[in-house]
């Protein structure tokens, strides 16, 4: 759950990045990553960081018994597809 929460927040901040930049909102993960590359997670962009956390969340959810993580896997997959489309 934690990995998804972090990944989703970064994903959401990516969507809000330009508006937050214009309004001076400094509590935006995408803008924070742009200012300081996050090397701990081998990510140089907010997109890479979101991709990392969402992928890890999906992997963790796949290990849950009896398909308990299926809905989380679906949501992670949908968000990852958006990131991939936007990167293309």
PDB file of N, CA and C in Angstrom:
ATOM      1  N   UNK A   1       0.799  -1.195   0.000  1.00  0.00           N
ATOM      2  CA  UNK A   1       0.000   0.000   0.000  1.00  0.00           C
ATOM      3  C   UNK A   1       0.846   1.264   0.000  1.00  0.00           C
ATOM      4  N   UNK A   2       1.930   1.231   0.764  1.00  0.00           N
ATOM      5  CA  UNK A   2       2.792   2.414   0.851  1.00  0.00           C
ATOM      6  C   UNK A   2       3.410   2.743  -0.497  1.00  0.00           C
ATOM      7  N   UNK A   3       3.900   1.715  -1.199  1.00  0.00           N
ATOM      8  CA  UNK A   3       4.521   1.945  -2.508  1.00  0.00           C
ATOM      9  C   UNK A   3       3.523   2.559  -3.479  1.00  0.00           C
ATOM     10  N   UNK A   4       2.280   2.038  -3.458  1.00  0.00           N
ATOM     11  CA  UNK A   4       1.257   2.600  -4.336  1.00  0.00           C
ATOM     12  C   UNK A   4       0.968   4.043  -3.958  1.00  0.00           C
ATOM     13  N   UNK A   5       0.861   4.313  -2.667  1.00  0.00           N
ATOM     14  CA  UNK A   5       0.582   5.680  -2.213  1.00  0.00           C
ATOM     15  C   UNK A   5       1.632   6.662  -2.689  1.00  0.00           C
ATOM     16  N   UNK A   6       2.889   6.279  -2.570  1.00  0.00           N
ATOM     17  CA  UNK A   6       3.973   7.153  -3.026  1.00  0.00           C
ATOM     18  C   UNK A   6       3.926   7.302  -4.541  1.00  0.00           C
ATOM     19  N   UNK A   7       3.799   6.179  -5.240  1.00  0.00           N
ATOM     20  CA  UNK A   7       3.745   6.230  -6.704  1.00  0.00           C
ATOM     21  C   UNK A   7       2.577   7.048  -7.207  1.00  0.00           C
ATOM     22  N   UNK A   8       1.407   6.869  -6.580  1.00  0.00           N
ATOM     23  CA  UNK A   8       0.231   7.622  -7.012  1.00  0.00           C
ATOM     24  C   UNK A   8       0.401   9.111  -6.740  1.00  0.00           C
ATOM     25  N   UNK A   9       0.970   9.462  -5.603  1.00  0.00           N
ATOM     26  CA  UNK A   9       1.164  10.886  -5.291  1.00  0.00           C
ATOM     27  C   UNK A   9       2.095  11.538  -6.304  1.00  0.00           C
ATOM     28  N   UNK A  10       3.161  10.843  -6.661  1.00  0.00           N
ATOM     29  CA  UNK A  10       4.073  11.390  -7.668  1.00  0.00           C
ATOM     30  C   UNK A  10       3.356  11.503  -9.003  1.00  0.00           C
ATOM     31  N   UNK A  11       2.583  10.470  -9.376  1.00  0.00           N
ATOM     32  CA  UNK A  11       1.808  10.506 -10.617  1.00  0.00           C
ATOM     33  C   UNK A  11       0.882  11.721 -10.626  1.00  0.00           C
ATOM     34  N   UNK A  12       0.166  11.935  -9.530  1.00  0.00           N
ATOM     35  CA  UNK A  12      -0.747  13.071  -9.420  1.00  0.00           C
ATOM     36  C   UNK A  12       0.009  14.395  -9.521  1.00  0.00           C
ATOM     37  N   UNK A  13       1.155  14.467  -8.857  1.00  0.00           N
ATOM     38  CA  UNK A  13       1.952  15.695  -8.917  1.00  0.00           C
ATOM     39  C   UNK A  13       2.479  15.954 -10.324  1.00  0.00           C
ATOM     40  N   UNK A  14       2.745  14.888 -11.084  1.00  0.00           N
ATOM     41  CA  UNK A  14       3.155  15.071 -12.482  1.00  0.00           C
ATOM     42  C   UNK A  14       2.039  15.751 -13.273  1.00  0.00           C
ATOM     43  N   UNK A  15       0.805  15.344 -12.989  1.00  0.00           N
ATOM     44  CA  UNK A  15      -0.333  15.934 -13.692  1.00  0.00           C
ATOM     45  C   UNK A  15      -0.521  17.403 -13.318  1.00  0.00           C
ATOM     46  N   UNK A  16      -0.149  17.762 -12.082  1.00  0.00           N
ATOM     47  CA  UNK A  16      -0.333  19.124 -11.571  1.00  0.00           C
ATOM     48  C   UNK A  16       0.914  19.995 -11.694  1.00  0.00           C
ATOM     49  N   UNK A  17       1.988  19.447 -12.238  1.00  0.00           N
ATOM     50  CA  UNK A  17       3.298  20.103 -12.211  1.00  0.00           C
ATOM     51  C   UNK A  17       3.275  21.535 -12.729  1.00  0.00           C
ATOM     52  N   UNK A  18       2.747  21.769 -13.906  1.00  0.00           N
ATOM     53  CA  UNK A  18       2.799  23.121 -14.487  1.00  0.00           C
ATOM     54  C   UNK A  18       1.974  24.119 -13.685  1.00  0.00           C
ATOM     55  N   UNK A  19       0.788  23.704 -13.264  1.00  0.00           N
ATOM     56  CA  UNK A  19      -0.040  24.591 -12.451  1.00  0.00           C
ATOM     57  C   UNK A  19       0.619  24.932 -11.128  1.00  0.00           C
ATOM     58  N   UNK A  20       1.229  23.931 -10.504  1.00  0.00           N
ATOM     59  CA  UNK A  20       1.916  24.170  -9.232  1.00  0.00           C
ATOM     60  C   UNK A  20       3.143  25.054  -9.426  1.00  0.00           C
ATOM     61  N   UNK A  21       3.838  24.857 -10.534  1.00  0.00           N
ATOM     62  CA  UNK A  21       5.011  25.697 -10.807  1.00  0.00           C
ATOM     63  C   UNK A  21       4.589  27.163 -10.926  1.00  0.00           C
ATOM     64  N   UNK A  22       3.508  27.399 -11.660  1.00  0.00           N
ATOM     65  CA  UNK A  22       3.020  28.771 -11.867  1.00  0.00           C
ATOM     66  C   UNK A  22       2.501  29.398 -10.578  1.00  0.00           C
ATOM     67  N   UNK A  23       1.884  28.581  -9.727  1.00  0.00           N
ATOM     68  CA  UNK A  23       1.317  29.117  -8.485  1.00  0.00           C
ATOM     69  C   UNK A  23       2.339  29.195  -7.351  1.00  0.00           C
ATOM     70  N   UNK A  24       3.523  28.643  -7.567  1.00  0.00           N
ATOM     71  CA  UNK A  24       4.546  28.676  -6.531  1.00  0.00           C
ATOM     72  C   UNK A  24       4.401  27.592  -5.480  1.00  0.00           C
ATOM     73  N   UNK A  25       3.563  26.587  -5.737  1.00  0.00           N
ATOM     74  CA  UNK A  25       3.382  25.483  -4.800  1.00  0.00           C
ATOM     75  C   UNK A  25       4.655  24.640  -4.777  1.00  0.00           C
ATOM     76  N   UNK A  26       5.338  24.623  -3.664  1.00  0.00           N
ATOM     77  CA  UNK A  26       6.588  23.871  -3.560  1.00  0.00           C
ATOM     78  C   UNK A  26       6.386  22.454  -3.032  1.00  0.00           C
ATOM     79  N   UNK A  27       5.158  22.090  -2.677  1.00  0.00           N
ATOM     80  CA  UNK A  27       4.871  20.750  -2.159  1.00  0.00           C
ATOM     81  C   UNK A  27       4.456  19.811  -3.286  1.00  0.00           C
ATOM     82  N   UNK A  28       5.213  19.803  -4.364  1.00  0.00           N
ATOM     83  CA  UNK A  28       4.934  18.969  -5.523  1.00  0.00           C
ATOM     84  C   UNK A  28       6.157  18.089  -5.753  1.00  0.00           C
ATOM     85  N   UNK A  29       5.968  16.772  -5.645  1.00  0.00           N
ATOM     86  CA  UNK A  29       7.094  15.839  -5.766  1.00  0.00           C
ATOM     87  C   UNK A  29       7.803  15.960  -7.107  1.00  0.00           C
ATOM     88  N   UNK A  30       7.062  16.170  -8.173  1.00  0.00           N
ATOM     89  CA  UNK A  30       7.687  16.278  -9.492  1.00  0.00           C
ATOM     90  C   UNK A  30       8.640  17.463  -9.536  1.00  0.00           C
ATOM     91  N   UNK A  31       8.224  18.578  -8.956  1.00  0.00           N
ATOM     92  CA  UNK A  31       9.091  19.757  -8.934  1.00  0.00           C
ATOM     93  C   UNK A  31      10.286  19.536  -8.016  1.00  0.00           C
ATOM     94  N   UNK A  32      10.071  18.840  -6.900  1.00  0.00           N
ATOM     95  CA  UNK A  32      11.181  18.557  -5.987  1.00  0.00           C
ATOM     96  C   UNK A  32      12.229  17.670  -6.654  1.00  0.00           C
ATOM     97  N   UNK A  33      11.772  16.683  -7.409  1.00  0.00           N
ATOM     98  CA  UNK A  33      12.703  15.787  -8.093  1.00  0.00           C
ATOM     99  C   UNK A  33      13.485  16.548  -9.152  1.00  0.00           C
ATOM    100  N   UNK A  34      12.820  17.451  -9.856  1.00  0.00           N
ATOM    101  CA  UNK A  34      13.520  18.251 -10.860  1.00  0.00           C
ATOM    102  C   UNK A  34      14.640  19.065 -10.225  1.00  0.00           C
ATOM    103  N   UNK A  35      14.405  19.530  -9.011  1.00  0.00           N
ATOM    104  CA  UNK A  35      15.416  20.327  -8.319  1.00  0.00           C
ATOM    105  C   UNK A  35      16.555  19.469  -7.773  1.00  0.00           C
ATOM    106  N   UNK A  36      16.252  18.261  -7.342  1.00  0.00           N
ATOM    107  CA  UNK A  36      17.256  17.361  -6.746  1.00  0.00           C
ATOM    108  C   UNK A  36      17.025  15.946  -7.247  1.00  0.00           C
ATOM    109  N   UNK A  37      17.851  15.478  -8.164  1.00  0.00           N
ATOM    110  CA  UNK A  37      17.694  14.118  -8.699  1.00  0.00           C
ATOM    111  C   UNK A  37      17.720  13.102  -7.557  1.00  0.00           C
ATOM    112  N   UNK A  38      16.847  12.119  -7.634  1.00  0.00           N
ATOM    113  CA  UNK A  38      16.696  11.131  -6.574  1.00  0.00           C
ATOM    114  C   UNK A  38      17.483   9.875  -6.952  1.00  0.00           C
ATOM    115  N   UNK A  39      18.760   9.844  -6.609  1.00  0.00           N
ATOM    116  CA  UNK A  39      19.625   8.739  -7.020  1.00  0.00           C
ATOM    117  C   UNK A  39      19.408   7.466  -6.206  1.00  0.00           C
ATOM    118  N   UNK A  40      18.863   7.580  -5.010  1.00  0.00           N
ATOM    119  CA  UNK A  40      18.634   6.392  -4.177  1.00  0.00           C
ATOM    120  C   UNK A  40      17.774   5.364  -4.903  1.00  0.00           C
ATOM    121  N   UNK A  41      16.847   5.827  -5.715  1.00  0.00           N
ATOM    122  CA  UNK A  41      15.934   4.941  -6.425  1.00  0.00           C
ATOM    123  C   UNK A  41      16.299   4.806  -7.894  1.00  0.00           C
ATOM    124  N   UNK A  42      17.495   5.184  -8.275  1.00  0.00           N
ATOM    125  CA  UNK A  42      17.957   5.132  -9.658  1.00  0.00           C
ATOM    126  C   UNK A  42      16.964   5.818 -10.586  1.00  0.00           C
ATOM    127  N   UNK A  43      16.520   6.986 -10.180  1.00  0.00           N
ATOM    128  CA  UNK A  43      15.572   7.759 -10.973  1.00  0.00           C
ATOM    129  C   UNK A  43      16.072   9.192 -11.067  1.00  0.00           C
ATOM    130  N   UNK A  44      16.105   9.704 -12.271  1.00  0.00           N
ATOM    131  CA  UNK A  44      16.548  11.080 -12.477  1.00  0.00           C
ATOM    132  C   UNK A  44      15.389  12.027 -12.736  1.00  0.00           C
ATOM    133  N   UNK A  45      14.211  11.470 -12.951  1.00  0.00           N
ATOM    134  CA  UNK A  45      13.033  12.295 -13.207  1.00  0.00           C
ATOM    135  C   UNK A  45      11.888  11.823 -12.319  1.00  0.00           C
ATOM    136  N   UNK A  46      10.907  12.673 -12.151  1.00  0.00           N
ATOM    137  CA  UNK A  46       9.725  12.287 -11.371  1.00  0.00           C
ATOM    138  C   UNK A  46       8.991  11.141 -12.057  1.00  0.00           C
ATOM    139  N   UNK A  47       8.995  11.146 -13.391  1.00  0.00           N
ATOM    140  CA  UNK A  47       8.346  10.064 -14.130  1.00  0.00           C
ATOM    141  C   UNK A  47       8.998   8.721 -13.795  1.00  0.00           C
ATOM    142  N   UNK A  48      10.335   8.692 -13.777  1.00  0.00           N
ATOM    143  CA  UNK A  48      11.047   7.455 -13.448  1.00  0.00           C
ATOM    144  C   UNK A  48      10.772   7.032 -12.008  1.00  0.00           C
ATOM    145  N   UNK A  49      10.674   7.993 -11.117  1.00  0.00           N
ATOM    146  CA  UNK A  49      10.404   7.690  -9.715  1.00  0.00           C
ATOM    147  C   UNK A  49       8.994   7.119  -9.547  1.00  0.00           C
ATOM    148  N   UNK A  50       8.011   7.728 -10.197  1.00  0.00           N
ATOM    149  CA  UNK A  50       6.643   7.210 -10.144  1.00  0.00           C
ATOM    150  C   UNK A  50       6.595   5.807 -10.735  1.00  0.00           C
ATOM    151  N   UNK A  51       7.282   5.616 -11.860  1.00  0.00           N
ATOM    152  CA  UNK A  51       7.317   4.306 -12.511  1.00  0.00           C
ATOM    153  C   UNK A  51       7.900   3.260 -11.559  1.00  0.00           C
ATOM    154  N   UNK A  52       8.972   3.619 -10.870  1.00  0.00           N
ATOM    155  CA  UNK A  52       9.611   2.702  -9.918  1.00  0.00           C
ATOM    156  C   UNK A  52       8.629   2.279  -8.819  1.00  0.00           C
ATOM    157  N   UNK A  53       8.002   3.248  -8.162  1.00  0.00           N
ATOM    158  CA  UNK A  53       7.123   2.920  -7.039  1.00  0.00           C
ATOM    159  C   UNK A  53       5.876   2.171  -7.493  1.00  0.00           C
ATOM    160  N   UNK A  54       5.299   2.554  -8.618  1.00  0.00           N
ATOM    161  CA  UNK A  54       4.111   1.856  -9.108  1.00  0.00           C
ATOM    162  C   UNK A  54       4.449   0.431  -9.534  1.00  0.00           C
ATOM    163  N   UNK A  55       5.613   0.229 -10.139  1.00  0.00           N
ATOM    164  CA  UNK A  55       6.047  -1.119 -10.523  1.00  0.00           C
ATOM    165  C   UNK A  55       6.279  -1.985  -9.293  1.00  0.00           C
ATOM    166  N   UNK A  56       6.933  -1.415  -8.289  1.00  0.00           N
ATOM    167  CA  UNK A  56       7.179  -2.157  -7.047  1.00  0.00           C
ATOM    168  C   UNK A  56       5.864  -2.493  -6.344  1.00  0.00           C
ATOM    169  N   UNK A  57       4.916  -1.560  -6.369  1.00  0.00           N
ATOM    170  CA  UNK A  57       3.611  -1.815  -5.747  1.00  0.00           C
ATOM    171  C   UNK A  57       2.900  -2.963  -6.456  1.00  0.00           C
ATOM    172  N   UNK A  58       2.951  -2.973  -7.790  1.00  0.00           N
ATOM    173  CA  UNK A  58       2.314  -4.049  -8.552  1.00  0.00           C
ATOM    174  C   UNK A  58       2.986  -5.391  -8.256  1.00  0.00           C
ATOM    175  N   UNK A  59       4.299  -5.392  -8.169  1.00  0.00           N
ATOM    176  CA  UNK A  59       5.028  -6.632  -7.856  1.00  0.00           C
ATOM    177  C   UNK A  59       4.652  -7.153  -6.473  1.00  0.00           C
ATOM    178  N   UNK A  60       4.586  -6.257  -5.512  1.00  0.00           N
ATOM    179  CA  UNK A  60       4.196  -6.654  -4.163  1.00  0.00           C
ATOM    180  C   UNK A  60       2.769  -7.170  -4.117  1.00  0.00           C
ATOM    181  N   UNK A  61       1.882  -6.520  -4.843  1.00  0.00           N
ATOM    182  CA  UNK A  61       0.477  -6.934  -4.867  1.00  0.00           C
ATOM    183  C   UNK A  61       0.324  -8.310  -5.512  1.00  0.00           C
ATOM    184  N   UNK A  62       1.179  -8.618  -6.479  1.00  0.00           N
ATOM    185  CA  UNK A  62       1.115  -9.917  -7.152  1.00  0.00           C
ATOM    186  C   UNK A  62       1.471 -11.062  -6.201  1.00  0.00           C
ATOM    187  N   UNK A  63       2.183 -10.760  -5.143  1.00  0.00           N
ATOM    188  CA  UNK A  63       2.583 -11.782  -4.176  1.00  0.00           C
ATOM    189  C   UNK A  63       1.516 -12.047  -3.114  1.00  0.00           C
ATOM    190  N   UNK A  64       0.472 -11.238  -3.081  1.00  0.00           N
ATOM    191  CA  UNK A  64      -0.594 -11.449  -2.095  1.00  0.00           C
ATOM    192  C   UNK A  64      -1.392 -12.701  -2.454  1.00  0.00           C
ATOM    193  N   UNK A  65      -1.885 -13.423  -1.455  1.00  0.00           N
ATOM    194  CA  UNK A  65      -2.602 -14.677  -1.722  1.00  0.00           C
ATOM    195  C   UNK A  65      -3.993 -14.457  -2.314  1.00  0.00           C
ATOM    196  N   UNK A  66      -4.447 -15.451  -3.039  1.00  0.00           N
ATOM    197  CA  UNK A  66      -5.831 -15.535  -3.532  1.00  0.00           C
ATOM    198  C   UNK A  66      -6.271 -14.330  -4.350  1.00  0.00           C
ATOM    199  N   UNK A  67      -5.361 -13.702  -5.058  1.00  0.00           N
ATOM    200  CA  UNK A  67      -5.730 -12.575  -5.913  1.00  0.00           C
ATOM    201  C   UNK A  67      -6.115 -11.318  -5.169  1.00  0.00           C
ATOM    202  N   UNK A  68      -5.743 -11.225  -3.894  1.00  0.00           N
ATOM    203  CA  UNK A  68      -6.104 -10.054  -3.087  1.00  0.00           C
ATOM    204  C   UNK A  68      -5.571  -8.750  -3.672  1.00  0.00           C
ATOM    205  N   UNK A  69      -4.478  -8.825  -4.407  1.00  0.00           N
ATOM    206  CA  UNK A  69      -3.873  -7.611  -4.941  1.00  0.00           C
ATOM    207  C   UNK A  69      -4.260  -7.294  -6.367  1.00  0.00           C
ATOM    208  N   UNK A  70      -5.228  -8.028  -6.924  1.00  0.00           N
ATOM    209  CA  UNK A  70      -5.570  -7.856  -8.337  1.00  0.00           C
ATOM    210  C   UNK A  70      -6.023  -6.442  -8.686  1.00  0.00           C
ATOM    211  N   UNK A  71      -6.854  -5.840  -7.847  1.00  0.00           N
ATOM    212  CA  UNK A  71      -7.321  -4.477  -8.139  1.00  0.00           C
ATOM    213  C   UNK A  71      -6.177  -3.472  -8.095  1.00  0.00           C
ATOM    214  N   UNK A  72      -5.266  -3.653  -7.157  1.00  0.00           N
ATOM    215  CA  UNK A  72      -4.110  -2.765  -7.072  1.00  0.00           C
ATOM    216  C   UNK A  72      -3.218  -2.936  -8.296  1.00  0.00           C
ATOM    217  N   UNK A  73      -3.037  -4.159  -8.741  1.00  0.00           N
ATOM    218  CA  UNK A  73      -2.248  -4.418  -9.946  1.00  0.00           C
ATOM    219  C   UNK A  73      -2.884  -3.724 -11.144  1.00  0.00           C
ATOM    220  N   UNK A  74      -4.205  -3.815 -11.271  1.00  0.00           N
ATOM    221  CA  UNK A  74      -4.907  -3.158 -12.380  1.00  0.00           C
ATOM    222  C   UNK A  74      -4.700  -1.648 -12.350  1.00  0.00           C
ATOM    223  N   UNK A  75      -4.820  -1.045 -11.176  1.00  0.00           N
ATOM    224  CA  UNK A  75      -4.651   0.410 -11.059  1.00  0.00           C
ATOM    225  C   UNK A  75      -3.215   0.811 -11.377  1.00  0.00           C
ATOM    226  N   UNK A  76      -2.259   0.072 -10.845  1.00  0.00           N
ATOM    227  CA  UNK A  76      -0.850   0.363 -11.141  1.00  0.00           C
ATOM    228  C   UNK A  76      -0.596   0.261 -12.639  1.00  0.00           C
ATOM    229  N   UNK A  77      -1.132  -0.777 -13.259  1.00  0.00           N
ATOM    230  CA  UNK A  77      -0.941  -0.967 -14.700  1.00  0.00           C
ATOM    231  C   UNK A  77      -1.525   0.190 -15.493  1.00  0.00           C
ATOM    232  N   UNK A  78      -2.697   0.650 -15.097  1.00  0.00           N
ATOM    233  CA  UNK A  78      -3.323   1.776 -15.796  1.00  0.00           C
ATOM    234  C   UNK A  78      -2.475   3.040 -15.668  1.00  0.00           C
ATOM    235  N   UNK A  79      -1.969   3.309 -14.478  1.00  0.00           N
ATOM    236  CA  UNK A  79      -1.133   4.498 -14.274  1.00  0.00           C
ATOM    237  C   UNK A  79       0.192   4.371 -15.021  1.00  0.00           C
ATOM    238  N   UNK A  80       0.776   3.184 -15.030  1.00  0.00           N
ATOM    239  CA  UNK A  80       2.022   2.963 -15.763  1.00  0.00           C
ATOM    240  C   UNK A  80       1.821   3.170 -17.260  1.00  0.00           C
ATOM    241  N   UNK A  81       0.667   2.763 -17.774  1.00  0.00           N
ATOM    242  CA  UNK A  81       0.374   2.970 -19.196  1.00  0.00           C
ATOM    243  C   UNK A  81       0.300   4.456 -19.529  1.00  0.00           C
ATOM    244  N   UNK A  82      -0.290   5.240 -18.641  1.00  0.00           N
ATOM    245  CA  UNK A  82      -0.349   6.690 -18.862  1.00  0.00           C
ATOM    246  C   UNK A  82       1.058   7.262 -18.894  1.00  0.00           C
ATOM    247  N   UNK A  83       1.902   6.855 -17.955  1.00  0.00           N
ATOM    248  CA  UNK A  83       3.283   7.339 -17.930  1.00  0.00           C
ATOM    249  C   UNK A  83       4.015   6.967 -19.217  1.00  0.00           C
ATOM    250  N   UNK A  84       3.797   5.748 -19.694  1.00  0.00           N
ATOM    251  CA  UNK A  84       4.455   5.300 -20.926  1.00  0.00           C
ATOM    252  C   UNK A  84       3.961   6.089 -22.134  1.00  0.00           C
ATOM    253  N   UNK A  85       2.654   6.354 -22.197  1.00  0.00           N
ATOM    254  CA  UNK A  85       2.103   7.151 -23.315  1.00  0.00           C
ATOM    255  C   UNK A  85       2.670   8.557 -23.309  1.00  0.00           C
ATOM    256  N   UNK A  86       2.746   9.155 -22.122  1.00  0.00           N
ATOM    257  CA  UNK A  86       3.249  10.521 -22.024  1.00  0.00           C
ATOM    258  C   UNK A  86       4.740  10.602 -22.344  1.00  0.00           C
ATOM    259  N   UNK A  87       5.465   9.508 -22.114  1.00  0.00           N
ATOM    260  CA  UNK A  87       6.905   9.493 -22.395  1.00  0.00           C
ATOM    261  C   UNK A  87       7.187   9.317 -23.886  1.00  0.00           C
ATOM    262  N   UNK A  88       6.216   8.777 -24.600  1.00  0.00           N
ATOM    263  CA  UNK A  88       6.415   8.500 -26.038  1.00  0.00           C
ATOM    264  C   UNK A  88       6.385   9.757 -26.883  1.00  0.00           C
TER     265      UNK A  88
END
